[in-house]
Protein backbone atom coordinates (compact mmCIF):
# COMPACT_ATOMS: atom_id res chain seq x y z
CA MET A 1 -20.89 51.49 13.91
CA VAL A 2 -23.56 49.69 13.54
CA GLY A 3 -23.32 48.27 10.75
CA ASN A 4 -19.45 47.63 11.02
CA GLY A 5 -19.89 46.02 14.88
CA LEU A 6 -22.36 43.20 12.80
CA HIS A 7 -20.03 42.39 10.15
CA LYS A 8 -17.09 42.25 12.68
CA LYS A 9 -19.41 39.70 15.01
CA GLU A 10 -20.30 37.62 12.05
CA ARG A 11 -16.72 37.70 10.80
CA LYS A 12 -15.71 36.25 14.22
CA GLY A 13 -18.45 33.88 14.10
CA ALA A 14 -17.44 32.98 11.17
CA THR A 15 -14.19 31.40 12.80
CA VAL A 16 -15.90 30.12 15.86
CA THR A 17 -15.66 26.11 16.06
CA GLU A 18 -18.12 24.16 18.18
CA PRO A 19 -17.46 23.72 22.00
CA ALA A 20 -14.66 21.39 22.99
CA TRP A 21 -17.46 18.95 25.06
CA VAL A 22 -19.34 18.64 21.72
CA ARG A 23 -16.04 17.96 19.47
CA TRP A 24 -14.96 15.43 22.07
CA LEU A 25 -18.84 13.84 22.21
CA LEU A 26 -18.57 13.52 18.76
CA ILE A 27 -14.94 11.79 18.10
CA SER A 28 -16.64 9.88 21.00
CA VAL A 29 -19.70 8.16 19.33
CA ALA A 30 -17.75 7.87 16.19
CA LEU A 31 -14.74 5.69 17.60
CA ALA A 32 -17.03 3.62 19.63
CA PHE A 33 -19.46 3.27 16.86
CA LEU A 34 -16.00 2.13 14.95
CA ALA A 35 -15.27 0.38 18.20
CA LEU A 36 -18.31 -2.30 17.52
CA PHE A 37 -19.37 -3.00 14.29
CA LEU A 38 -15.45 -2.70 12.89
CA VAL A 39 -12.58 -3.37 15.16
CA LEU A 40 -14.93 -6.04 17.43
CA PRO A 41 -15.96 -8.16 14.96
CA LEU A 42 -12.45 -8.45 13.01
CA ALA A 43 -10.75 -9.21 16.08
CA ALA A 44 -13.53 -11.88 16.97
CA VAL A 45 -12.73 -13.53 13.52
CA PHE A 46 -9.09 -13.84 14.55
CA THR A 47 -9.51 -14.54 17.90
CA GLN A 48 -11.77 -17.94 17.09
CA ALA A 49 -9.71 -18.62 14.12
CA LEU A 50 -7.09 -19.00 16.04
CA GLU A 51 -8.95 -20.72 19.58
CA LYS A 52 -7.30 -23.93 19.05
CA GLY A 53 -3.66 -22.72 17.56
CA TRP A 54 -1.94 -22.38 14.66
CA GLU A 55 -1.96 -25.70 14.24
CA ALA A 56 -5.28 -26.15 13.94
CA TYR A 57 -5.82 -22.72 11.70
CA LEU A 58 -3.35 -23.90 9.11
CA ALA A 59 -5.39 -27.48 9.19
CA ALA A 60 -8.28 -25.94 8.29
CA LEU A 61 -6.71 -23.75 5.84
CA THR A 62 -5.06 -26.49 4.32
CA GLU A 63 -8.81 -29.07 4.05
CA PRO A 64 -8.88 -30.30 0.45
CA ASP A 65 -12.55 -28.50 0.35
CA THR A 66 -10.99 -25.12 1.44
CA ILE A 67 -8.55 -25.37 -0.94
CA SER A 68 -10.87 -26.05 -3.72
CA ALA A 69 -13.15 -22.88 -2.56
CA ILE A 70 -10.08 -21.01 -2.15
CA ARG A 71 -9.16 -22.33 -5.85
CA LEU A 72 -12.46 -21.18 -7.19
CA THR A 73 -12.28 -17.92 -5.92
CA LEU A 74 -9.19 -16.97 -7.03
CA ILE A 75 -10.51 -18.14 -10.63
CA THR A 76 -13.76 -16.37 -10.36
CA ALA A 77 -12.13 -13.14 -9.28
CA ALA A 78 -9.12 -13.77 -12.30
CA VAL A 79 -11.94 -13.80 -15.21
CA CYS A 80 -14.56 -11.08 -13.36
CA VAL A 81 -11.87 -8.12 -13.04
CA PRO A 82 -10.37 -8.42 -15.88
CA LEU A 83 -13.41 -8.26 -18.12
CA ASN A 84 -15.30 -5.89 -15.61
CA LEU A 85 -11.78 -3.45 -16.14
CA PHE A 86 -11.87 -3.51 -20.53
CA PHE A 87 -16.14 -2.89 -19.95
CA GLY A 88 -15.37 0.11 -17.10
CA ILE A 89 -12.35 1.85 -19.52
CA VAL A 90 -14.56 1.32 -22.85
CA ALA A 91 -18.16 2.75 -20.90
CA ALA A 92 -15.93 5.47 -18.42
CA TRP A 93 -14.27 6.62 -22.26
CA ALA A 94 -17.68 6.74 -24.04
CA ILE A 95 -19.72 8.79 -21.26
CA ALA A 96 -16.78 11.10 -20.48
CA LYS A 97 -15.67 12.02 -23.55
CA PHE A 98 -18.65 11.94 -26.24
CA SER A 99 -22.34 13.30 -26.52
CA PHE A 100 -24.63 10.31 -27.78
CA PRO A 101 -28.17 8.75 -27.72
CA GLY A 102 -29.26 6.91 -25.05
CA LYS A 103 -25.92 8.26 -22.60
CA SER A 104 -28.50 9.02 -19.45
CA PHE A 105 -29.89 5.33 -20.22
CA LEU A 106 -26.22 3.34 -20.45
CA ILE A 107 -25.15 5.18 -17.09
CA THR A 108 -28.71 4.17 -15.60
CA LEU A 109 -27.81 0.48 -16.60
CA ILE A 110 -24.25 0.78 -15.32
CA ASP A 111 -25.77 1.46 -12.14
CA LEU A 112 -28.39 -1.73 -12.00
CA PRO A 113 -26.95 -4.19 -9.63
CA PHE A 114 -26.43 -1.21 -7.11
CA SER A 115 -29.83 -1.02 -7.05
CA VAL A 116 -30.86 -5.04 -7.32
CA SER A 117 -30.87 -7.52 -4.43
CA PRO A 118 -27.82 -10.19 -5.35
CA VAL A 119 -29.84 -13.11 -4.84
CA VAL A 120 -32.35 -11.44 -7.51
CA SER A 121 -30.14 -11.45 -10.24
CA GLY A 122 -28.78 -14.68 -9.11
CA LEU A 123 -32.40 -16.28 -9.48
CA ILE A 124 -32.39 -14.04 -12.92
CA TYR A 125 -29.35 -16.25 -14.28
CA VAL A 126 -31.31 -19.77 -12.97
CA LEU A 127 -34.29 -18.60 -15.27
CA ILE A 128 -32.47 -18.03 -18.15
CA PHE A 129 -29.65 -20.63 -17.79
CA GLY A 130 -31.61 -23.24 -16.14
CA LEU A 131 -32.82 -26.73 -16.77
CA GLN A 132 -36.56 -25.30 -16.75
CA GLY A 133 -35.44 -21.79 -17.78
CA TRP A 134 -35.56 -20.36 -21.67
CA LEU A 135 -32.08 -21.40 -22.69
CA GLY A 136 -32.05 -24.34 -20.63
CA PRO A 137 -33.28 -27.49 -22.95
CA ARG A 138 -30.84 -26.01 -25.35
CA LEU A 139 -27.59 -26.24 -23.67
CA GLN A 140 -28.57 -29.42 -21.76
CA GLU A 141 -29.13 -30.83 -25.65
CA HIS A 142 -25.22 -29.32 -26.44
CA ASP A 143 -23.98 -30.70 -23.05
CA ILE A 144 -23.49 -27.27 -21.68
CA LYS A 145 -24.00 -26.74 -17.76
CA ILE A 146 -23.53 -23.19 -16.60
CA ILE A 147 -26.25 -23.12 -13.61
CA PHE A 148 -24.63 -25.19 -10.97
CA ALA A 149 -21.34 -25.31 -12.28
CA VAL A 150 -18.41 -22.15 -12.58
CA PRO A 151 -19.94 -20.22 -15.80
CA GLY A 152 -22.86 -19.79 -13.61
CA ILE A 153 -21.17 -18.45 -10.77
CA ILE A 154 -18.41 -16.22 -12.99
CA LEU A 155 -21.90 -14.47 -15.05
CA ALA A 156 -23.17 -13.99 -11.68
CA THR A 157 -20.10 -12.30 -10.31
CA ILE A 158 -19.54 -10.07 -13.53
CA PHE A 159 -23.03 -8.88 -12.99
CA VAL A 160 -22.35 -7.96 -8.88
CA THR A 161 -19.74 -6.14 -9.70
CA PHE A 162 -19.16 -4.52 -13.14
CA PRO A 163 -20.72 -1.17 -11.75
CA PHE A 164 -17.36 -0.59 -9.59
CA ILE A 165 -14.36 0.38 -12.45
CA ALA A 166 -16.75 2.33 -14.69
CA ARG A 167 -18.41 4.30 -11.82
CA GLU A 168 -14.67 5.23 -10.18
CA LEU A 169 -13.24 6.45 -13.93
CA ILE A 170 -16.45 8.62 -15.24
CA PRO A 171 -16.34 11.25 -12.52
CA LEU A 172 -12.33 11.13 -13.09
CA MET A 173 -12.21 11.70 -16.79
CA GLU A 174 -14.93 14.11 -16.95
CA ALA A 175 -12.80 16.43 -14.58
CA GLN A 176 -10.31 15.58 -16.92
CA GLY A 177 -11.64 16.72 -19.76
CA ARG A 178 -11.14 16.26 -23.28
CA GLU A 179 -8.69 19.02 -23.74
CA GLU A 180 -5.35 17.02 -23.42
CA GLU A 181 -7.15 14.10 -25.94
CA GLU A 182 -8.09 16.40 -28.52
CA ALA A 183 -4.83 18.25 -28.69
CA ALA A 184 -2.87 15.12 -28.50
CA LEU A 185 -5.29 13.91 -31.34
CA THR A 186 -4.52 17.24 -33.46
CA LEU A 187 -0.52 16.01 -33.23
CA GLY A 188 -1.03 13.37 -35.20
CA ALA A 189 -1.52 10.69 -32.46
CA SER A 190 -3.36 6.86 -32.60
CA GLY A 191 -6.08 6.67 -30.70
CA LEU A 192 -4.36 3.68 -28.92
CA GLN A 193 -1.20 6.47 -28.39
CA THR A 194 -3.61 8.84 -26.92
CA PHE A 195 -4.93 6.45 -24.05
CA LEU A 196 -1.59 4.85 -23.16
CA ARG A 197 0.62 8.17 -23.00
CA VAL A 198 -2.33 10.98 -22.01
CA THR A 199 -5.56 9.47 -20.66
CA PHE A 200 -4.14 6.70 -18.74
CA PRO A 201 -1.56 8.14 -16.58
CA ASN A 202 -4.48 10.40 -15.65
CA ILE A 203 -6.79 7.87 -14.58
CA LYS A 204 -4.53 4.81 -13.41
CA TRP A 205 -4.87 6.31 -9.77
CA GLY A 206 -8.87 5.93 -10.65
CA ILE A 207 -8.15 2.20 -12.22
CA LEU A 208 -6.22 1.04 -9.23
CA TYR A 209 -8.98 2.20 -6.85
CA GLY A 210 -12.31 0.67 -8.75
CA VAL A 211 -10.23 -2.79 -9.12
CA ILE A 212 -9.55 -2.78 -5.60
CA LEU A 213 -12.99 -2.37 -4.94
CA CYS A 214 -13.89 -5.01 -7.53
CA ASN A 215 -11.71 -7.53 -6.47
CA ALA A 216 -12.99 -7.05 -3.19
CA ARG A 217 -16.09 -7.69 -3.81
CA ALA A 218 -15.82 -10.31 -6.64
CA MET A 219 -13.84 -12.77 -3.90
CA GLY A 220 -16.34 -11.79 -1.11
CA GLU A 221 -20.00 -11.97 -2.56
CA PHE A 222 -22.28 -14.39 -1.32
CA GLY A 223 -26.01 -13.89 -2.90
CA ALA A 224 -25.85 -14.14 -5.81
CA VAL A 225 -23.15 -17.10 -6.10
CA SER A 226 -25.37 -19.00 -3.32
CA VAL A 227 -28.14 -18.99 -5.87
CA VAL A 228 -26.01 -20.31 -8.66
CA SER A 229 -23.94 -22.16 -7.49
CA GLY A 230 -25.12 -25.66 -5.79
CA HIS A 231 -23.41 -25.77 -2.57
CA VAL A 232 -21.47 -28.47 -4.51
CA ARG A 233 -18.55 -29.39 -1.47
CA GLY A 234 -14.69 -29.17 -3.86
CA SER A 235 -16.53 -28.01 -7.02
CA THR A 236 -18.97 -25.07 -6.71
CA ASN A 237 -18.61 -23.67 -3.44
CA THR A 238 -16.40 -20.19 -3.07
CA ILE A 239 -14.55 -18.97 0.09
CA PRO A 240 -18.04 -16.83 1.45
CA LEU A 241 -20.14 -20.82 0.81
CA GLN A 242 -17.53 -22.58 2.37
CA VAL A 243 -17.73 -20.69 5.86
CA GLU A 244 -21.33 -20.83 5.87
CA ILE A 245 -21.23 -24.74 5.95
CA LEU A 246 -18.23 -24.83 7.79
CA TYR A 247 -20.32 -22.82 10.41
CA ASN A 248 -23.81 -25.03 9.85
CA GLU A 249 -21.76 -28.13 10.27
CA TYR A 250 -20.50 -26.39 14.18
CA SER A 251 -16.93 -26.26 12.81
CA TYR A 252 -16.69 -22.91 13.88
CA ALA A 253 -12.52 -22.56 14.67
CA ALA A 254 -12.49 -23.86 10.98
CA ALA A 255 -15.09 -21.54 9.71
CA PHE A 256 -13.48 -18.79 11.39
CA ALA A 257 -10.06 -19.41 10.15
CA VAL A 258 -11.74 -19.62 6.34
CA ALA A 259 -13.62 -16.73 7.35
CA SER A 260 -10.34 -14.61 8.54
CA LEU A 261 -8.85 -14.44 5.00
CA LEU A 262 -11.38 -12.38 3.43
CA ALA A 263 -11.00 -10.21 6.58
CA LEU A 264 -7.45 -10.07 6.00
CA LEU A 265 -8.49 -9.03 1.97
CA ALA A 266 -10.74 -6.25 3.26
CA LEU A 267 -8.03 -5.00 5.39
CA VAL A 268 -5.06 -5.44 2.18
CA THR A 269 -8.48 -3.03 0.31
CA LEU A 270 -8.78 -0.93 3.05
CA ALA A 271 -4.89 -0.16 2.82
CA VAL A 272 -4.96 0.21 -0.59
CA LYS A 273 -7.97 1.90 -1.09
CA THR A 274 -7.10 4.60 1.60
CA VAL A 275 -3.56 5.17 -0.98
CA SER A 276 -6.03 5.17 -4.06
CA GLU A 277 -8.47 7.26 -3.07
CA TRP A 278 -5.90 10.01 -1.68
CA LYS A 279 -4.01 10.18 -5.28
CA MET A 280 -7.16 10.06 -7.01
CA GLN A 281 -8.22 12.86 -5.24
CA GLN A 282 -4.94 14.60 -6.31
CA THR A 283 -5.51 13.92 -9.60
CA ILE A 284 -8.55 15.36 -9.35
CA THR A 285 -8.08 18.40 -8.12
CA ALA A 286 -5.00 19.36 -9.77
CA ALA A 287 -7.27 18.50 -13.30
CA GLU A 288 -9.48 21.18 -11.74
CA THR A 289 -6.87 23.39 -11.19
CA GLU A 290 -5.11 23.42 -14.90
CA ARG A 291 -8.87 24.21 -15.94
């Protein structure tokens, strides 16, 4: 009887939740934290951006140096994201579908940008391609400019963004397993057909999730780009660098107007990320259920 009583008490205790005041306290703390560190800064950005009216806001966004910064940011993202997409798919495919020597080392290399400061990564490129760097004199002989030019910005951005897509696809592909691909190959499908008709439908939401994160980081990167760009107005300034210059020149309304573009990008990224993350979780759950 005692044992049964304890069993019933434990079973009942498993369904007992925290007191209502504890739940409301935790929820209030979480909401206060979000309001203080997320909602309030976003509201401040848009409030300051529109402080002088819509005409001043649009004038700040159509200023020639700002247009140049927007163009360079879009070019950088347009180059970096497809390259990282290709690398991410290839790396995730190799890691998730095959076993080979150095697999753990490859995963470590993919995670390297997460552990290295962006400023340090920018300095590495300066030491390699700068005028006083290892390859600088040779590049100068052939009139090839990488540092303080667009190629340097693209290289630095690729370095800080290449883990995002691979890191989203690796666990998703591992959860999918290799049975479907092996079955397709057994039935005579080519490698490309197997990827397009079997693998891609299962990882499309993971690809979208990784691309969104990669694009947001590429367009918002500051540290590495700041080191290799040279801050040449109208030439090598991206949107974050343009915001810094305007703010340092006490053009606060213009600085916040340009910053609002990045804030809008963040909101769009968050919305798409939420949807793709939900879809990706459904895909993983379905794959684990089938296995």
